[in-house]
Amino acid sequence: MKLTSQLTNFDVLNELSGNDTKFLKEMLTTYLEQLPKDLNLIITAHENQNWKQTGDIAHSMKSSAKFMGVDKMHKNLSNIENLCKDQSQLNKVENLVSNVYEMGMTVIIELKQKLKEIG
């Protein structure tokens, strides 16, 4: 199954891995292990209205998203981090967190599919 609106830029990952399939598998597997945990953490922090923690989690997720070629998620995480840090327009954070969660779930599907493709 090929996804039409792919969030993950696999060109970035291929370049980063030097087209080394073993290294690519390790990167994908590591991110697949961490992403669901991070998504749960940011959801919980937001539900608890712990803005500092929400911003801190967004910050830590942001670098991984960029590294993995998930630019849309990176942008949303950056916005969450900034809004939480500034304690401004916090009403926008809920929608951003929801978007990040939905993107994260899509990325998980994409990465699992990529792992199947590369064997």
C-alpha atoms as a PDB file:
ATOM      1  CA  MET A   1       0.000   0.000   0.000  1.00  0.00           C
ATOM      2  CA  LYS A   2       1.474   3.319  -1.048  1.00  0.00           C
ATOM      3  CA  LEU A   3       0.369   6.368   0.919  1.00  0.00           C
ATOM      4  CA  THR A   4      -0.519   9.315  -1.285  1.00  0.00           C
ATOM      5  CA  SER A   5       0.212  12.073   1.207  1.00  0.00           C
ATOM      6  CA  GLN A   6       3.464  10.958   2.754  1.00  0.00           C
ATOM      7  CA  LEU A   7       4.735  12.925   5.759  1.00  0.00           C
ATOM      8  CA  THR A   8       8.139  11.263   5.997  1.00  0.00           C
ATOM      9  CA  ASN A   9      10.772  12.426   3.532  1.00  0.00           C
ATOM     10  CA  PHE A  10      12.670   9.215   2.910  1.00  0.00           C
ATOM     11  CA  ASP A  11      15.162  11.039   0.676  1.00  0.00           C
ATOM     12  CA  VAL A  12      16.464  12.760   3.817  1.00  0.00           C
ATOM     13  CA  LEU A  13      16.787   9.414   5.588  1.00  0.00           C
ATOM     14  CA  ASN A  14      18.486   7.741   2.640  1.00  0.00           C
ATOM     15  CA  GLU A  15      20.981  10.586   2.399  1.00  0.00           C
ATOM     16  CA  LEU A  16      21.582  10.581   6.140  1.00  0.00           C
ATOM     17  CA  SER A  17      22.161   6.838   6.176  1.00  0.00           C
ATOM     18  CA  GLY A  18      24.383   6.970   3.101  1.00  0.00           C
ATOM     19  CA  ASN A  19      21.957   4.437   1.596  1.00  0.00           C
ATOM     20  CA  ASP A  20      23.154   1.947   4.223  1.00  0.00           C
ATOM     21  CA  THR A  21      20.118  -0.319   4.664  1.00  0.00           C
ATOM     22  CA  LYS A  22      21.249  -1.685   8.036  1.00  0.00           C
ATOM     23  CA  PHE A  23      21.748   1.810   9.460  1.00  0.00           C
ATOM     24  CA  LEU A  24      18.418   2.949   7.977  1.00  0.00           C
ATOM     25  CA  LYS A  25      16.639   0.025   9.674  1.00  0.00           C
ATOM     26  CA  GLU A  26      18.250   0.963  12.994  1.00  0.00           C
ATOM     27  CA  MET A  27      17.134   4.592  12.649  1.00  0.00           C
ATOM     28  CA  LEU A  28      13.580   3.598  11.740  1.00  0.00           C
ATOM     29  CA  THR A  29      13.334   1.035  14.529  1.00  0.00           C
ATOM     30  CA  THR A  30      14.653   3.429  17.153  1.00  0.00           C
ATOM     31  CA  TYR A  31      12.243   6.172  16.101  1.00  0.00           C
ATOM     32  CA  LEU A  32       9.357   3.689  16.000  1.00  0.00           C
ATOM     33  CA  GLU A  33      10.137   2.701  19.579  1.00  0.00           C
ATOM     34  CA  GLN A  34      10.352   6.289  20.843  1.00  0.00           C
ATOM     35  CA  LEU A  35       7.618   8.100  18.906  1.00  0.00           C
ATOM     36  CA  PRO A  36       4.574   6.440  20.555  1.00  0.00           C
ATOM     37  CA  LYS A  37       6.053   7.172  23.995  1.00  0.00           C
ATOM     38  CA  ASP A  38       6.647  10.814  23.085  1.00  0.00           C
ATOM     39  CA  LEU A  39       3.154  11.179  21.651  1.00  0.00           C
ATOM     40  CA  ASN A  40       1.642   9.863  24.873  1.00  0.00           C
ATOM     41  CA  LEU A  41       3.834  12.178  26.953  1.00  0.00           C
ATOM     42  CA  ILE A  42       2.868  15.309  25.041  1.00  0.00           C
ATOM     43  CA  ILE A  43      -0.834  14.399  25.135  1.00  0.00           C
ATOM     44  CA  THR A  44      -0.689  13.850  28.906  1.00  0.00           C
ATOM     45  CA  ALA A  45       1.278  17.036  29.567  1.00  0.00           C
ATOM     46  CA  HIS A  46      -1.195  19.028  27.507  1.00  0.00           C
ATOM     47  CA  GLU A  47      -4.226  17.433  29.188  1.00  0.00           C
ATOM     48  CA  ASN A  48      -2.701  18.396  32.548  1.00  0.00           C
ATOM     49  CA  GLN A  49      -2.142  21.927  31.219  1.00  0.00           C
ATOM     50  CA  ASN A  50       1.497  21.616  32.192  1.00  0.00           C
ATOM     51  CA  TRP A  51       2.761  24.127  29.650  1.00  0.00           C
ATOM     52  CA  LYS A  52       6.425  23.897  30.603  1.00  0.00           C
ATOM     53  CA  GLN A  53       6.414  20.119  30.252  1.00  0.00           C
ATOM     54  CA  THR A  54       4.409  20.303  27.017  1.00  0.00           C
ATOM     55  CA  GLY A  55       6.957  22.740  25.602  1.00  0.00           C
ATOM     56  CA  ASP A  56       9.895  20.649  26.814  1.00  0.00           C
ATOM     57  CA  ILE A  57       8.500  17.487  25.226  1.00  0.00           C
ATOM     58  CA  ALA A  58       7.820  19.370  21.977  1.00  0.00           C
ATOM     59  CA  HIS A  59      11.415  20.573  22.054  1.00  0.00           C
ATOM     60  CA  SER A  60      12.811  17.062  22.450  1.00  0.00           C
ATOM     61  CA  MET A  61      10.501  15.649  19.761  1.00  0.00           C
ATOM     62  CA  LYS A  62      11.304  18.476  17.373  1.00  0.00           C
ATOM     63  CA  SER A  63      14.904  17.475  16.703  1.00  0.00           C
ATOM     64  CA  SER A  64      13.946  13.845  16.073  1.00  0.00           C
ATOM     65  CA  ALA A  65      11.197  14.890  13.665  1.00  0.00           C
ATOM     66  CA  LYS A  66      13.647  17.048  11.702  1.00  0.00           C
ATOM     67  CA  PHE A  67      16.267  14.292  11.749  1.00  0.00           C
ATOM     68  CA  MET A  68      13.699  11.794  10.445  1.00  0.00           C
ATOM     69  CA  GLY A  69      12.529  14.084   7.636  1.00  0.00           C
ATOM     70  CA  VAL A  70       9.089  14.831   9.083  1.00  0.00           C
ATOM     71  CA  ASP A  71       9.096  18.575   8.435  1.00  0.00           C
ATOM     72  CA  LYS A  72       5.372  19.243   9.014  1.00  0.00           C
ATOM     73  CA  MET A  73       5.562  17.660  12.451  1.00  0.00           C
ATOM     74  CA  HIS A  74       8.764  19.574  13.185  1.00  0.00           C
ATOM     75  CA  LYS A  75       7.010  22.868  12.371  1.00  0.00           C
ATOM     76  CA  ASN A  76       4.040  22.053  14.622  1.00  0.00           C
ATOM     77  CA  LEU A  77       6.331  21.013  17.457  1.00  0.00           C
ATOM     78  CA  SER A  78       8.299  24.231  17.098  1.00  0.00           C
ATOM     79  CA  ASN A  79       5.050  26.221  17.339  1.00  0.00           C
ATOM     80  CA  ILE A  80       3.995  24.275  20.444  1.00  0.00           C
ATOM     81  CA  GLU A  81       7.372  24.866  22.060  1.00  0.00           C
ATOM     82  CA  ASN A  82       7.260  28.612  21.385  1.00  0.00           C
ATOM     83  CA  LEU A  83       3.657  29.102  22.498  1.00  0.00           C
ATOM     84  CA  CYS A  84       4.250  27.170  25.720  1.00  0.00           C
ATOM     85  CA  LYS A  85       7.505  28.990  26.423  1.00  0.00           C
ATOM     86  CA  ASP A  86       5.885  32.394  25.879  1.00  0.00           C
ATOM     87  CA  GLN A  87       2.689  31.344  27.690  1.00  0.00           C
ATOM     88  CA  SER A  88       0.824  33.020  24.842  1.00  0.00           C
ATOM     89  CA  GLN A  89      -2.089  31.924  22.711  1.00  0.00           C
ATOM     90  CA  LEU A  90      -2.303  28.678  24.662  1.00  0.00           C
ATOM     91  CA  ASN A  91      -5.704  28.060  23.070  1.00  0.00           C
ATOM     92  CA  LYS A  92      -3.808  27.171  19.861  1.00  0.00           C
ATOM     93  CA  VAL A  93      -1.770  24.471  21.597  1.00  0.00           C
ATOM     94  CA  GLU A  94      -4.622  21.950  21.741  1.00  0.00           C
ATOM     95  CA  ASN A  95      -5.064  21.919  17.969  1.00  0.00           C
ATOM     96  CA  LEU A  96      -1.309  21.727  17.407  1.00  0.00           C
ATOM     97  CA  VAL A  97      -0.924  18.815  19.838  1.00  0.00           C
ATOM     98  CA  SER A  98      -3.802  17.041  18.132  1.00  0.00           C
ATOM     99  CA  ASN A  99      -2.156  17.597  14.742  1.00  0.00           C
ATOM    100  CA  VAL A 100       1.160  16.262  16.034  1.00  0.00           C
ATOM    101  CA  TYR A 101      -0.561  13.166  17.407  1.00  0.00           C
ATOM    102  CA  GLU A 102      -2.341  12.482  14.110  1.00  0.00           C
ATOM    103  CA  MET A 103       0.847  13.066  12.117  1.00  0.00           C
ATOM    104  CA  GLY A 104       2.759  10.824  14.489  1.00  0.00           C
ATOM    105  CA  MET A 105       0.306   7.994  13.966  1.00  0.00           C
ATOM    106  CA  THR A 106       0.637   8.406  10.191  1.00  0.00           C
ATOM    107  CA  VAL A 107       4.429   8.464  10.436  1.00  0.00           C
ATOM    108  CA  ILE A 108       4.360   5.219  12.419  1.00  0.00           C
ATOM    109  CA  ILE A 109       2.418   3.583   9.573  1.00  0.00           C
ATOM    110  CA  GLU A 110       4.831   5.006   6.992  1.00  0.00           C
ATOM    111  CA  LEU A 111       7.906   3.807   8.873  1.00  0.00           C
ATOM    112  CA  LYS A 112       6.507   0.329   9.412  1.00  0.00           C
ATOM    113  CA  GLN A 113       5.745   0.134   5.685  1.00  0.00           C
ATOM    114  CA  LYS A 114       9.277   1.291   4.845  1.00  0.00           C
ATOM    115  CA  LEU A 115      10.748  -1.364   7.143  1.00  0.00           C
ATOM    116  CA  LYS A 116       8.722  -4.014   5.298  1.00  0.00           C
ATOM    117  CA  GLU A 117       9.930  -2.682   1.938  1.00  0.00           C
ATOM    118  CA  ILE A 118      13.609  -2.763   2.856  1.00  0.00           C
ATOM    119  CA  GLY A 119      13.295  -6.132   4.567  1.00  0.00           C
END
